[in-house]
């Protein structure tokens, strides 16, 4: 990445959960170009190339993704195009113009059989199409050999879009009892936590001698909230912090009682130690972040 006093930052997926928060949190770090889908269709790889070459950004931040995990089982081509092929083109174009790429990946690159938190060097073994498509994106970016950060996150939620938090609040207002999976574990991660952490990292990169910084720091990092819980524990915390007058009973069930087209890893816990040690970022605990999210206007 070439040093620039006021770099142009190309931000994809601005209408998504993470993209929306990034658009706010990256303000002040550069001139943000955040094209809408009708201006940048990531399914059209030639258009991706044209837009990057026209903008000549110093940074490309790519939170856009195919995230319909169950639908991906039958919509394989679309998942691979958006999660693997488009990131590969972004990486190629970034390298061609001397830019850096920040890309987001997922806990689903792991099979969930490890005891304890996954670290970045652990073996990957996705068990669904979504996970395989995201892993293919990671591998393609790394193979290009440019300046990049891949930030793996998990169980993303926020105050907009489709996510577990909003689903629970809607169902909790409608029903007296809910059944929620209690034997899958991970770290619920607020979209704003992802955005603020990204902004903190990029402020370092921009302030530093950029080429040296990216050469030393390019790679994969885990970026999730601290701690671990189950979907059931997440749901209970949501209702604990909610303003619902009558809160539902949350019944724990095994994943086997709630079959889905795509298999989910039983353990999605990931260590943030590398992120803290190398980049000085330690995201808040998941309960703290959830409370802040739900208290926000």
Protein backbone atom coordinates (compact mmCIF):
# COMPACT_ATOMS: atom_id res chain seq x y z
CA UNK A 1 0.00 0.00 0.00
CA UNK A 2 1.30 3.41 -0.94
CA UNK A 3 1.43 6.09 1.74
CA UNK A 4 -1.15 8.83 1.34
CA UNK A 5 -2.13 11.75 3.54
CA UNK A 6 -5.80 11.21 2.73
CA UNK A 7 -6.14 7.75 1.16
CA UNK A 8 -9.17 6.67 -0.81
CA UNK A 9 -10.90 3.74 0.88
CA UNK A 10 -13.17 1.53 -1.25
CA UNK A 11 -15.83 0.03 1.01
CA UNK A 12 -18.11 -2.73 -0.27
CA UNK A 13 -21.37 -3.98 1.21
CA UNK A 14 -22.25 -0.64 2.79
CA UNK A 15 -25.87 -1.69 3.37
CA UNK A 16 -24.90 -4.80 5.32
CA UNK A 17 -24.54 -5.09 9.10
CA UNK A 18 -20.76 -4.68 9.16
CA UNK A 19 -20.54 -2.42 6.11
CA UNK A 20 -22.97 0.08 7.63
CA UNK A 21 -20.87 0.33 10.82
CA UNK A 22 -17.63 0.55 8.85
CA UNK A 23 -19.00 3.49 6.85
CA UNK A 24 -19.37 5.38 10.11
CA UNK A 25 -16.20 4.21 11.86
CA UNK A 26 -13.80 4.72 8.97
CA UNK A 27 -14.70 8.40 8.70
CA UNK A 28 -11.61 10.53 9.21
CA UNK A 29 -9.21 7.85 8.02
CA UNK A 30 -9.60 8.73 4.37
CA UNK A 31 -12.00 9.53 1.56
CA UNK A 32 -14.57 6.76 1.61
CA UNK A 33 -16.02 5.48 -1.65
CA UNK A 34 -18.98 3.26 -0.78
CA UNK A 35 -20.74 2.26 -4.00
CA UNK A 36 -24.24 0.80 -3.82
CA UNK A 37 -24.91 -2.59 -5.37
CA UNK A 38 -26.18 -0.97 -8.58
CA UNK A 39 -22.82 0.81 -8.78
CA UNK A 40 -20.66 -2.19 -7.88
CA UNK A 41 -22.08 -5.66 -8.43
CA UNK A 42 -19.60 -8.11 -6.90
CA UNK A 43 -21.14 -10.93 -8.94
CA UNK A 44 -19.81 -9.16 -12.04
CA UNK A 45 -16.06 -9.68 -11.83
CA UNK A 46 -15.30 -7.45 -14.83
CA UNK A 47 -17.22 -4.64 -13.16
CA UNK A 48 -15.21 -5.18 -9.98
CA UNK A 49 -12.02 -4.72 -11.98
CA UNK A 50 -13.35 -1.59 -13.70
CA UNK A 51 -14.43 0.06 -10.44
CA UNK A 52 -11.14 -0.61 -8.65
CA UNK A 53 -9.09 0.63 -11.60
CA UNK A 54 -11.19 3.78 -11.88
CA UNK A 55 -11.06 4.63 -8.16
CA UNK A 56 -7.44 3.59 -7.55
CA UNK A 57 -8.02 3.24 -3.79
CA UNK A 58 -5.17 2.88 -1.31
CA UNK A 59 -7.38 0.56 0.77
CA UNK A 60 -10.15 -1.88 -0.12
CA UNK A 61 -12.35 -2.97 2.79
CA UNK A 62 -14.60 -5.88 1.86
CA UNK A 63 -17.31 -6.91 4.35
CA UNK A 64 -19.67 -7.93 1.51
CA UNK A 65 -20.44 -11.64 1.57
CA UNK A 66 -22.96 -14.33 0.78
CA UNK A 67 -24.13 -15.12 4.32
CA UNK A 68 -27.28 -17.24 3.83
CA UNK A 69 -25.68 -20.34 5.35
CA UNK A 70 -28.51 -22.79 4.70
CA UNK A 71 -29.38 -21.44 1.25
CA UNK A 72 -25.72 -21.78 0.24
CA UNK A 73 -26.07 -25.58 0.37
CA UNK A 74 -28.03 -25.43 -2.89
CA UNK A 75 -26.89 -22.01 -4.17
CA UNK A 76 -23.27 -23.08 -4.41
CA UNK A 77 -22.24 -21.04 -7.45
CA UNK A 78 -23.51 -17.76 -5.97
CA UNK A 79 -21.80 -18.43 -2.63
CA UNK A 80 -18.51 -19.22 -4.33
CA UNK A 81 -18.74 -16.19 -6.64
CA UNK A 82 -19.31 -13.70 -3.83
CA UNK A 83 -17.19 -15.32 -1.10
CA UNK A 84 -14.26 -16.65 -3.13
CA UNK A 85 -14.07 -15.35 -6.69
CA UNK A 86 -14.85 -11.68 -5.99
CA UNK A 87 -12.34 -11.45 -3.11
CA UNK A 88 -9.72 -13.04 -5.37
CA UNK A 89 -10.29 -10.32 -7.98
CA UNK A 90 -10.19 -7.61 -5.31
CA UNK A 91 -6.86 -9.01 -4.08
CA UNK A 92 -5.45 -9.13 -7.62
CA UNK A 93 -6.53 -5.57 -8.39
CA UNK A 94 -5.27 -4.31 -5.02
CA UNK A 95 -1.85 -5.79 -5.66
CA UNK A 96 -1.78 -4.39 -9.19
CA UNK A 97 -2.26 -0.80 -7.96
CA UNK A 98 -0.26 -1.13 -4.73
CA UNK A 99 -3.32 -1.09 -2.46
CA UNK A 100 -4.12 -3.18 0.61
CA UNK A 101 -7.17 -5.39 1.12
CA UNK A 102 -9.09 -5.95 4.36
CA UNK A 103 -11.43 -8.94 4.10
CA UNK A 104 -13.73 -10.64 6.61
CA UNK A 105 -14.04 -14.37 7.11
CA UNK A 106 -15.71 -16.72 9.53
CA UNK A 107 -15.49 -19.30 12.30
CA UNK A 108 -17.14 -21.70 9.85
CA UNK A 109 -13.76 -22.45 8.24
CA UNK A 110 -13.30 -24.80 11.22
CA UNK A 111 -15.15 -28.08 11.83
CA UNK A 112 -15.83 -27.34 15.50
CA UNK A 113 -14.28 -30.50 16.92
CA UNK A 114 -11.44 -28.82 18.84
CA UNK A 115 -11.66 -28.46 22.61
CA UNK A 116 -10.93 -24.86 23.52
CA UNK A 117 -10.49 -21.77 21.39
CA UNK A 118 -9.23 -21.98 17.82
CA UNK A 119 -6.07 -20.06 16.92
CA UNK A 120 -5.17 -18.80 13.46
CA UNK A 121 -2.72 -21.64 12.77
CA UNK A 122 -5.22 -24.43 13.53
CA UNK A 123 -6.16 -26.74 10.69
CA UNK A 124 -9.22 -25.64 8.71
CA UNK A 125 -11.94 -28.10 7.75
CA UNK A 126 -15.27 -26.48 6.87
CA UNK A 127 -18.36 -28.68 7.14
CA UNK A 128 -20.77 -26.67 4.98
CA UNK A 129 -20.78 -24.86 1.63
CA UNK A 130 -20.68 -21.41 3.25
CA UNK A 131 -17.55 -22.34 5.20
CA UNK A 132 -15.91 -23.83 2.12
CA UNK A 133 -16.66 -20.71 0.09
CA UNK A 134 -15.20 -18.43 2.77
CA UNK A 135 -12.10 -20.61 3.08
CA UNK A 136 -11.64 -20.50 -0.69
CA UNK A 137 -11.72 -16.70 -0.45
CA UNK A 138 -9.07 -16.71 2.27
CA UNK A 139 -6.82 -19.02 0.25
CA UNK A 140 -7.24 -16.99 -2.94
CA UNK A 141 -6.32 -13.73 -1.20
CA UNK A 142 -3.24 -15.26 0.40
CA UNK A 143 -2.17 -16.82 -2.92
CA UNK A 144 -2.16 -13.41 -4.64
CA UNK A 145 0.58 -12.35 -2.24
CA UNK A 146 -0.34 -8.71 -1.83
CA UNK A 147 -0.92 -6.61 1.30
CA UNK A 148 -3.94 -7.96 3.18
CA UNK A 149 -5.69 -8.57 6.46
CA UNK A 150 -8.22 -11.39 6.79
CA UNK A 151 -10.32 -10.90 9.93
CA UNK A 152 -12.27 -13.98 10.99
CA UNK A 153 -15.32 -13.23 13.09
CA UNK A 154 -18.33 -15.13 14.44
CA UNK A 155 -22.03 -14.94 15.30
CA UNK A 156 -22.38 -11.38 13.99
CA UNK A 157 -25.37 -9.35 15.17
CA UNK A 158 -26.47 -5.72 15.25
CA UNK A 159 -29.45 -3.42 15.20
CA UNK A 160 -30.11 -3.83 11.46
CA UNK A 161 -30.37 -6.60 8.90
CA UNK A 162 -31.14 -10.25 9.66
CA UNK A 163 -29.46 -11.70 12.73
CA UNK A 164 -30.04 -13.73 15.88
CA UNK A 165 -30.56 -10.71 18.13
CA UNK A 166 -33.36 -9.26 16.03
CA UNK A 167 -34.94 -12.68 15.49
CA UNK A 168 -35.00 -13.37 19.24
CA UNK A 169 -36.51 -9.96 20.03
CA UNK A 170 -39.23 -10.51 17.42
CA UNK A 171 -40.06 -14.05 18.55
CA UNK A 172 -39.81 -13.10 22.23
CA UNK A 173 -42.54 -10.51 21.74
CA UNK A 174 -44.77 -13.09 20.06
CA UNK A 175 -44.28 -16.26 22.12
CA UNK A 176 -44.24 -17.33 25.75
CA UNK A 177 -41.60 -20.03 25.23
CA UNK A 178 -38.69 -20.43 22.83
CA UNK A 179 -36.44 -23.44 22.20
CA UNK A 180 -32.83 -22.53 21.46
CA UNK A 181 -29.79 -24.71 20.72
CA UNK A 182 -27.58 -25.11 23.79
CA UNK A 183 -24.74 -27.35 22.53
CA UNK A 184 -23.09 -25.07 19.98
CA UNK A 185 -20.61 -22.56 21.40
CA UNK A 186 -19.05 -19.33 20.16
CA UNK A 187 -18.69 -15.60 20.71
CA UNK A 188 -21.58 -13.33 19.67
CA UNK A 189 -19.89 -10.36 18.01
CA UNK A 190 -21.50 -6.93 17.56
CA UNK A 191 -21.07 -5.48 14.08
CA UNK A 192 -19.89 -2.22 15.66
CA UNK A 193 -17.13 -4.08 17.54
CA UNK A 194 -15.86 -5.36 14.19
CA UNK A 195 -15.96 -1.88 12.69
CA UNK A 196 -14.29 -0.06 15.59
CA UNK A 197 -11.57 -2.72 15.80
CA UNK A 198 -10.96 -2.45 12.06
CA UNK A 199 -10.72 1.34 12.29
CA UNK A 200 -8.21 1.07 15.13
CA UNK A 201 -6.02 -1.27 13.09
CA UNK A 202 -6.23 0.81 9.92
CA UNK A 203 -5.39 4.01 11.78
CA UNK A 204 -2.10 2.34 12.69
CA UNK A 205 -1.45 1.27 9.11
CA UNK A 206 -2.17 4.71 7.71
CA UNK A 207 -0.06 6.48 10.34
CA UNK A 208 2.88 4.13 9.86
CA UNK A 209 5.21 3.68 6.92
CA UNK A 210 2.59 1.75 5.01
CA UNK A 211 4.61 -0.70 2.93
CA UNK A 212 6.65 -1.78 5.93
CA UNK A 213 3.57 -2.05 8.16
CA UNK A 214 1.70 -4.25 5.70
CA UNK A 215 4.73 -6.43 5.03
CA UNK A 216 5.05 -7.08 8.79
CA UNK A 217 1.35 -7.49 9.58
CA UNK A 218 -0.35 -9.05 6.57
CA UNK A 219 -2.13 -12.28 7.46
CA UNK A 220 -5.12 -13.83 9.21
CA UNK A 221 -6.44 -12.62 12.58
CA UNK A 222 -9.40 -13.63 14.72
CA UNK A 223 -11.69 -10.74 15.63
CA UNK A 224 -14.56 -11.71 17.91
CA UNK A 225 -15.96 -10.57 21.21
CA UNK A 226 -14.25 -11.99 24.26
CA UNK A 227 -15.66 -14.99 26.09
CA UNK A 228 -17.87 -17.82 24.91
CA UNK A 229 -21.51 -18.86 25.24
CA UNK A 230 -24.12 -21.04 23.57
CA UNK A 231 -26.98 -19.85 21.38
CA UNK A 232 -29.17 -20.54 24.40
CA UNK A 233 -26.94 -18.41 26.62
CA UNK A 234 -26.97 -15.66 23.99
CA UNK A 235 -30.76 -15.73 23.88
CA UNK A 236 -31.07 -15.57 27.67
CA UNK A 237 -28.76 -12.53 27.77
CA UNK A 238 -30.78 -10.83 25.02
CA UNK A 239 -33.95 -11.10 27.08
CA UNK A 240 -32.11 -10.12 30.26
CA UNK A 241 -31.09 -6.83 28.64
CA UNK A 242 -34.32 -6.31 26.70
CA UNK A 243 -37.18 -3.98 27.56
CA UNK A 244 -39.84 -6.62 26.95
CA UNK A 245 -42.55 -6.45 29.61
CA UNK A 246 -43.16 -10.20 29.56
CA UNK A 247 -40.07 -12.20 28.81
CA UNK A 248 -40.31 -15.68 27.31
CA UNK A 249 -38.99 -18.87 28.85
CA UNK A 250 -35.91 -19.98 26.89
CA UNK A 251 -35.74 -23.77 26.74
CA UNK A 252 -32.35 -25.39 25.96
CA UNK A 253 -32.36 -28.03 23.21
CA UNK A 254 -29.62 -30.00 21.42
CA UNK A 255 -28.71 -29.10 17.84
CA UNK A 256 -30.06 -32.51 16.82
CA UNK A 257 -33.54 -31.28 17.77
CA UNK A 258 -33.27 -28.36 15.34
CA UNK A 259 -31.98 -29.81 12.05
CA UNK A 260 -30.86 -27.35 9.37
CA UNK A 261 -29.74 -27.88 5.74
CA UNK A 262 -26.19 -26.79 6.64
CA UNK A 263 -24.25 -28.40 9.47
CA UNK A 264 -22.85 -25.99 12.08
CA UNK A 265 -19.62 -26.42 14.05
CA UNK A 266 -20.24 -27.34 17.68
CA UNK A 267 -17.33 -25.16 18.81
CA UNK A 268 -16.85 -21.76 17.15
CA UNK A 269 -14.72 -20.25 19.91
CA UNK A 270 -11.69 -18.36 18.55
CA UNK A 271 -8.77 -16.79 20.42
CA UNK A 272 -8.12 -13.06 19.93
CA UNK A 273 -4.61 -13.26 21.38
CA UNK A 274 -2.81 -12.73 18.05
CA UNK A 275 -4.92 -9.62 17.34
CA UNK A 276 -4.06 -8.21 20.76
CA UNK A 277 -0.36 -9.04 20.60
CA UNK A 278 0.33 -7.93 17.04
CA UNK A 279 -2.15 -5.09 16.57
CA UNK A 280 -3.03 -3.95 20.08
CA UNK A 281 -6.75 -4.67 19.75
CA UNK A 282 -8.68 -6.57 22.42
CA UNK A 283 -12.45 -6.54 21.72
CA UNK A 284 -14.84 -6.34 24.72
CA UNK A 285 -16.53 -9.34 26.31
CA UNK A 286 -19.65 -10.46 24.48
CA UNK A 287 -22.08 -9.57 27.28
CA UNK A 288 -20.64 -6.06 27.60
CA UNK A 289 -20.92 -5.48 23.84
CA UNK A 290 -24.46 -6.88 23.74
CA UNK A 291 -25.57 -4.55 26.51
CA UNK A 292 -24.05 -1.56 24.69
CA UNK A 293 -25.72 -2.57 21.43
CA UNK A 294 -29.14 -2.94 23.03
CA UNK A 295 -28.81 0.36 24.92
CA UNK A 296 -27.86 2.30 21.79
CA UNK A 297 -30.57 4.62 20.40
